Amino acid sequence: MSERNPIPLILTAIGSVLGTVAVLSYYGYVHIAKPEDALLLADYTMLKTVPGEDYRVSLKPASQVAQCIDGVLVLFDTEQKGLTGVLVDRKKRAVRCMGQDAPQESK
């Protein structure tokens, strides 16, 4: 039995992984997220409204604006152009919204 040198196999495996990651990054399938690319769900709190009880909120508005699009609550950041996202719960389920119907085709 002849012994094989494992170094070429290891280098081939490392090169294959690096090449695959490079190609996937080039075509947009791999995105390295930056902290400014996302807003944490923990930054949001739902205030429960109870009839007859007062609650206080800041007079200064948040830097995000929400809009109902196709029944899903979409957040737009007013400070960072192009930063948009769907509001989800901790199980990654989209928060639904009501009150705004999708545009109907005119006949």
N, C-alpha and C. Protein backbone atom coordinates (compact mmCIF):
# COMPACT_ATOMS: atom_id res chain seq x y z
N MET A 1 0.83 -1.18 0.00
CA MET A 1 0.00 0.00 0.00
C MET A 1 0.88 1.24 0.00
N SER A 2 0.48 2.15 -0.81
CA SER A 2 1.23 3.41 -0.85
C SER A 2 0.47 4.46 -0.05
N GLU A 3 1.22 5.28 0.64
CA GLU A 3 0.60 6.35 1.42
C GLU A 3 0.42 7.58 0.54
N ARG A 4 -0.73 8.24 0.69
CA ARG A 4 -1.00 9.45 -0.07
C ARG A 4 -0.66 10.67 0.76
N ASN A 5 -0.20 11.70 0.07
CA ASN A 5 0.10 12.96 0.74
C ASN A 5 -1.21 13.73 0.89
N PRO A 6 -1.67 14.05 2.13
CA PRO A 6 -2.96 14.71 2.33
C PRO A 6 -2.94 16.21 2.03
N ILE A 7 -1.78 16.80 1.89
CA ILE A 7 -1.70 18.25 1.70
C ILE A 7 -2.41 18.69 0.41
N PRO A 8 -2.21 18.05 -0.75
CA PRO A 8 -2.95 18.49 -1.94
C PRO A 8 -4.46 18.36 -1.79
N LEU A 9 -4.94 17.34 -1.10
CA LEU A 9 -6.38 17.19 -0.88
C LEU A 9 -6.92 18.32 0.01
N ILE A 10 -6.19 18.67 1.04
CA ILE A 10 -6.62 19.75 1.94
C ILE A 10 -6.63 21.08 1.20
N LEU A 11 -5.59 21.34 0.41
CA LEU A 11 -5.54 22.59 -0.35
C LEU A 11 -6.65 22.66 -1.39
N THR A 12 -6.97 21.54 -2.00
CA THR A 12 -8.06 21.49 -2.98
C THR A 12 -9.40 21.78 -2.31
N ALA A 13 -9.62 21.22 -1.14
CA ALA A 13 -10.87 21.46 -0.40
C ALA A 13 -10.99 22.92 -0.01
N ILE A 14 -9.92 23.50 0.51
CA ILE A 14 -9.95 24.92 0.91
C ILE A 14 -10.17 25.81 -0.30
N GLY A 15 -9.49 25.51 -1.40
CA GLY A 15 -9.66 26.29 -2.63
C GLY A 15 -11.07 26.19 -3.18
N SER A 16 -11.65 24.99 -3.10
CA SER A 16 -13.03 24.80 -3.58
C SER A 16 -14.02 25.62 -2.76
N VAL A 17 -13.86 25.63 -1.45
CA VAL A 17 -14.76 26.39 -0.58
C VAL A 17 -14.61 27.88 -0.86
N LEU A 18 -13.37 28.37 -0.95
CA LEU A 18 -13.15 29.79 -1.21
C LEU A 18 -13.68 30.19 -2.59
N GLY A 19 -13.48 29.34 -3.58
CA GLY A 19 -13.99 29.62 -4.91
C GLY A 19 -15.51 29.66 -4.95
N THR A 20 -16.14 28.72 -4.25
CA THR A 20 -17.60 28.68 -4.20
C THR A 20 -18.16 29.93 -3.53
N VAL A 21 -17.57 30.34 -2.42
CA VAL A 21 -18.02 31.54 -1.71
C VAL A 21 -17.82 32.77 -2.60
N ALA A 22 -16.70 32.85 -3.31
CA ALA A 22 -16.44 33.99 -4.18
C ALA A 22 -17.47 34.08 -5.30
N VAL A 23 -17.80 32.95 -5.93
CA VAL A 23 -18.78 32.94 -7.02
C VAL A 23 -20.17 33.29 -6.49
N LEU A 24 -20.55 32.74 -5.34
CA LEU A 24 -21.86 33.05 -4.76
C LEU A 24 -21.95 34.52 -4.36
N SER A 25 -20.86 35.09 -3.86
CA SER A 25 -20.85 36.51 -3.51
C SER A 25 -20.98 37.37 -4.75
N TYR A 26 -20.28 36.99 -5.80
CA TYR A 26 -20.32 37.75 -7.05
C TYR A 26 -21.74 37.82 -7.62
N TYR A 27 -22.46 36.73 -7.56
CA TYR A 27 -23.82 36.69 -8.11
C TYR A 27 -24.88 37.13 -7.11
N GLY A 28 -24.49 37.55 -5.92
CA GLY A 28 -25.42 38.12 -4.96
C GLY A 28 -26.11 37.13 -4.05
N TYR A 29 -25.66 35.90 -4.01
CA TYR A 29 -26.30 34.91 -3.15
C TYR A 29 -25.76 34.94 -1.73
N VAL A 30 -24.61 35.54 -1.53
CA VAL A 30 -24.01 35.68 -0.20
C VAL A 30 -23.90 37.16 0.10
N HIS A 31 -24.45 37.57 1.23
CA HIS A 31 -24.39 38.97 1.63
C HIS A 31 -23.91 39.02 3.07
N ILE A 32 -22.83 39.73 3.29
CA ILE A 32 -22.31 39.89 4.65
C ILE A 32 -23.06 41.07 5.27
N ALA A 33 -23.88 40.78 6.26
CA ALA A 33 -24.71 41.81 6.87
C ALA A 33 -23.88 42.69 7.79
N LYS A 34 -24.18 43.97 7.73
CA LYS A 34 -23.55 44.95 8.61
C LYS A 34 -24.58 45.36 9.65
N PRO A 35 -24.15 45.86 10.79
CA PRO A 35 -25.12 46.26 11.82
C PRO A 35 -26.10 47.31 11.32
N GLU A 36 -25.66 48.20 10.44
CA GLU A 36 -26.57 49.23 9.98
C GLU A 36 -27.56 48.72 8.93
N ASP A 37 -27.40 47.48 8.48
CA ASP A 37 -28.32 46.91 7.49
C ASP A 37 -29.62 46.41 8.10
N ALA A 38 -29.69 46.26 9.39
CA ALA A 38 -30.87 45.67 10.01
C ALA A 38 -31.24 46.42 11.28
N LEU A 39 -32.50 46.39 11.59
CA LEU A 39 -33.00 46.90 12.85
C LEU A 39 -33.43 45.71 13.68
N LEU A 40 -33.08 45.72 14.93
CA LEU A 40 -33.40 44.60 15.80
C LEU A 40 -34.87 44.65 16.22
N LEU A 41 -35.50 43.50 16.21
CA LEU A 41 -36.88 43.42 16.67
C LEU A 41 -36.97 43.84 18.14
N ALA A 42 -35.91 43.62 18.89
CA ALA A 42 -35.91 43.98 20.30
C ALA A 42 -35.99 45.49 20.49
N ASP A 43 -35.73 46.26 19.44
CA ASP A 43 -35.81 47.71 19.53
C ASP A 43 -37.25 48.20 19.53
N TYR A 44 -38.19 47.31 19.29
CA TYR A 44 -39.59 47.69 19.22
C TYR A 44 -40.36 47.03 20.35
N THR A 45 -41.31 47.78 20.89
CA THR A 45 -42.16 47.28 21.96
C THR A 45 -43.60 47.64 21.63
N MET A 46 -44.49 46.72 21.84
CA MET A 46 -45.90 47.00 21.63
C MET A 46 -46.49 47.51 22.94
N LEU A 47 -47.11 48.67 22.88
CA LEU A 47 -47.80 49.21 24.04
C LEU A 47 -49.25 48.75 23.99
N LYS A 48 -49.64 48.04 25.01
CA LYS A 48 -51.02 47.55 25.06
C LYS A 48 -51.93 48.69 25.50
N THR A 49 -52.96 48.90 24.73
CA THR A 49 -53.91 49.95 25.07
C THR A 49 -55.10 49.34 25.79
N VAL A 50 -55.38 49.89 26.93
CA VAL A 50 -56.51 49.42 27.75
C VAL A 50 -57.50 50.58 27.84
N PRO A 51 -58.77 50.33 27.56
CA PRO A 51 -59.75 51.41 27.64
C PRO A 51 -59.76 52.07 29.02
N GLY A 52 -59.70 53.40 29.03
CA GLY A 52 -59.74 54.14 30.29
C GLY A 52 -58.37 54.38 30.90
N GLU A 53 -57.32 53.77 30.38
CA GLU A 53 -55.97 53.99 30.92
C GLU A 53 -55.15 54.82 29.94
N ASP A 54 -54.36 55.72 30.50
CA ASP A 54 -53.50 56.56 29.67
C ASP A 54 -52.15 55.87 29.46
N TYR A 55 -51.54 56.16 28.35
CA TYR A 55 -50.17 55.71 28.11
C TYR A 55 -49.41 56.87 27.50
N ARG A 56 -48.10 56.87 27.70
CA ARG A 56 -47.29 57.99 27.25
C ARG A 56 -46.31 57.52 26.18
N VAL A 57 -46.20 58.35 25.16
CA VAL A 57 -45.20 58.13 24.11
C VAL A 57 -44.45 59.44 23.89
N SER A 58 -43.29 59.33 23.32
CA SER A 58 -42.48 60.50 23.04
C SER A 58 -43.10 61.34 21.94
N LEU A 59 -42.93 62.65 22.02
CA LEU A 59 -43.43 63.53 20.98
C LEU A 59 -42.55 63.46 19.73
N LYS A 60 -41.29 63.07 19.91
CA LYS A 60 -40.37 62.96 18.77
C LYS A 60 -40.66 61.65 18.03
N PRO A 61 -40.92 61.73 16.74
CA PRO A 61 -41.25 60.49 16.00
C PRO A 61 -40.01 59.62 15.76
N ALA A 62 -40.24 58.35 15.55
CA ALA A 62 -39.16 57.41 15.23
C ALA A 62 -38.65 57.69 13.82
N SER A 63 -37.47 57.18 13.52
CA SER A 63 -36.91 57.41 12.19
C SER A 63 -37.41 56.40 11.16
N GLN A 64 -38.35 55.56 11.56
CA GLN A 64 -38.94 54.60 10.63
C GLN A 64 -40.40 54.96 10.38
N VAL A 65 -40.84 54.67 9.17
CA VAL A 65 -42.22 54.88 8.77
C VAL A 65 -42.76 53.54 8.30
N ALA A 66 -43.97 53.19 8.75
CA ALA A 66 -44.57 51.91 8.37
C ALA A 66 -45.65 52.13 7.32
N GLN A 67 -45.76 51.15 6.43
CA GLN A 67 -46.80 51.20 5.42
C GLN A 67 -47.32 49.79 5.21
N CYS A 68 -48.61 49.69 4.96
CA CYS A 68 -49.24 48.40 4.72
C CYS A 68 -49.17 48.11 3.22
N ILE A 69 -48.41 47.09 2.85
CA ILE A 69 -48.27 46.72 1.45
C ILE A 69 -48.66 45.25 1.32
N ASP A 70 -49.71 45.00 0.55
CA ASP A 70 -50.23 43.63 0.34
C ASP A 70 -50.49 42.91 1.66
N GLY A 71 -50.98 43.64 2.65
CA GLY A 71 -51.35 43.04 3.92
C GLY A 71 -50.20 42.76 4.87
N VAL A 72 -49.00 43.26 4.55
CA VAL A 72 -47.82 43.05 5.40
C VAL A 72 -47.28 44.42 5.80
N LEU A 73 -46.87 44.56 7.06
CA LEU A 73 -46.35 45.82 7.56
C LEU A 73 -44.88 45.97 7.15
N VAL A 74 -44.61 46.97 6.32
CA VAL A 74 -43.26 47.21 5.82
C VAL A 74 -42.74 48.50 6.44
N LEU A 75 -41.50 48.45 6.96
CA LEU A 75 -40.87 49.62 7.57
C LEU A 75 -39.87 50.24 6.60
N PHE A 76 -39.90 51.56 6.52
CA PHE A 76 -38.96 52.33 5.72
C PHE A 76 -38.18 53.23 6.66
N ASP A 77 -36.86 53.25 6.55
CA ASP A 77 -36.03 54.11 7.39
C ASP A 77 -35.88 55.45 6.69
N THR A 78 -36.14 56.54 7.41
CA THR A 78 -36.05 57.86 6.82
C THR A 78 -34.64 58.43 6.89
N GLU A 79 -33.77 57.86 7.71
CA GLU A 79 -32.40 58.36 7.83
C GLU A 79 -31.46 57.68 6.85
N GLN A 80 -31.65 56.39 6.61
CA GLN A 80 -30.79 55.65 5.69
C GLN A 80 -31.61 55.26 4.47
N LYS A 81 -31.35 55.94 3.36
CA LYS A 81 -32.12 55.65 2.14
C LYS A 81 -31.90 54.22 1.71
N GLY A 82 -32.96 53.58 1.27
CA GLY A 82 -32.87 52.22 0.77
C GLY A 82 -33.01 51.16 1.84
N LEU A 83 -33.02 51.54 3.11
CA LEU A 83 -33.17 50.56 4.18
C LEU A 83 -34.65 50.32 4.43
N THR A 84 -35.14 49.18 3.98
CA THR A 84 -36.53 48.81 4.19
C THR A 84 -36.56 47.39 4.73
N GLY A 85 -37.65 47.03 5.33
CA GLY A 85 -37.77 45.67 5.84
C GLY A 85 -39.19 45.37 6.26
N VAL A 86 -39.44 44.11 6.43
CA VAL A 86 -40.74 43.62 6.87
C VAL A 86 -40.65 43.37 8.36
N LEU A 87 -41.63 43.84 9.11
CA LEU A 87 -41.66 43.62 10.55
C LEU A 87 -42.10 42.19 10.82
N VAL A 88 -41.28 41.43 11.56
CA VAL A 88 -41.57 40.04 11.87
C VAL A 88 -41.49 39.82 13.37
N ASP A 89 -42.11 38.74 13.83
CA ASP A 89 -41.98 38.38 15.24
C ASP A 89 -40.75 37.50 15.42
N ARG A 90 -40.54 37.00 16.63
CA ARG A 90 -39.31 36.25 16.89
C ARG A 90 -39.26 34.91 16.15
N LYS A 91 -40.40 34.46 15.64
CA LYS A 91 -40.42 33.22 14.85
C LYS A 91 -40.37 33.51 13.36
N LYS A 92 -40.01 34.74 13.00
CA LYS A 92 -39.87 35.19 11.60
C LYS A 92 -41.18 35.16 10.82
N ARG A 93 -42.30 35.36 11.52
CA ARG A 93 -43.60 35.46 10.86
C ARG A 93 -43.89 36.94 10.63
N ALA A 94 -44.33 37.28 9.43
CA ALA A 94 -44.59 38.67 9.09
C ALA A 94 -45.78 39.21 9.88
N VAL A 95 -45.65 40.45 10.35
CA VAL A 95 -46.74 41.11 11.04
C VAL A 95 -47.71 41.61 9.99
N ARG A 96 -48.95 41.17 10.07
CA ARG A 96 -49.98 41.55 9.10
C ARG A 96 -50.60 42.87 9.50
N CYS A 97 -51.18 43.54 8.53
CA CYS A 97 -51.87 44.80 8.82
C CYS A 97 -53.21 44.83 8.10
N MET A 98 -54.11 45.64 8.63
CA MET A 98 -55.44 45.76 8.06
C MET A 98 -55.70 47.24 7.79
N GLY A 99 -56.79 47.51 7.11
CA GLY A 99 -57.19 48.90 6.94
C GLY A 99 -56.81 49.49 5.60
N GLN A 100 -55.93 48.85 4.89
CA GLN A 100 -55.55 49.35 3.58
C GLN A 100 -55.64 48.20 2.61
N ASP A 101 -56.57 48.29 1.72
CA ASP A 101 -56.75 47.22 0.74
C ASP A 101 -55.80 47.41 -0.42
N ALA A 102 -55.49 46.34 -1.07
CA ALA A 102 -54.66 46.41 -2.26
C ALA A 102 -55.44 47.14 -3.35
N PRO A 103 -54.74 47.91 -4.18
CA PRO A 103 -55.45 48.63 -5.24
C PRO A 103 -56.19 47.68 -6.16
N GLN A 104 -57.41 48.05 -6.52
CA GLN A 104 -58.24 47.24 -7.40
C GLN A 104 -58.09 47.73 -8.83
N GLU A 105 -58.18 46.80 -9.76
CA GLU A 105 -58.14 47.19 -11.17
C GLU A 105 -59.42 47.91 -11.54
N SER A 106 -59.28 49.01 -12.25
CA SER A 106 -60.48 49.73 -12.70
C SER A 106 -60.96 49.13 -14.01
N LYS A 107 -62.28 48.98 -14.13
CA LYS A 107 -62.85 48.34 -15.31
C LYS A 107 -63.36 49.34 -16.28
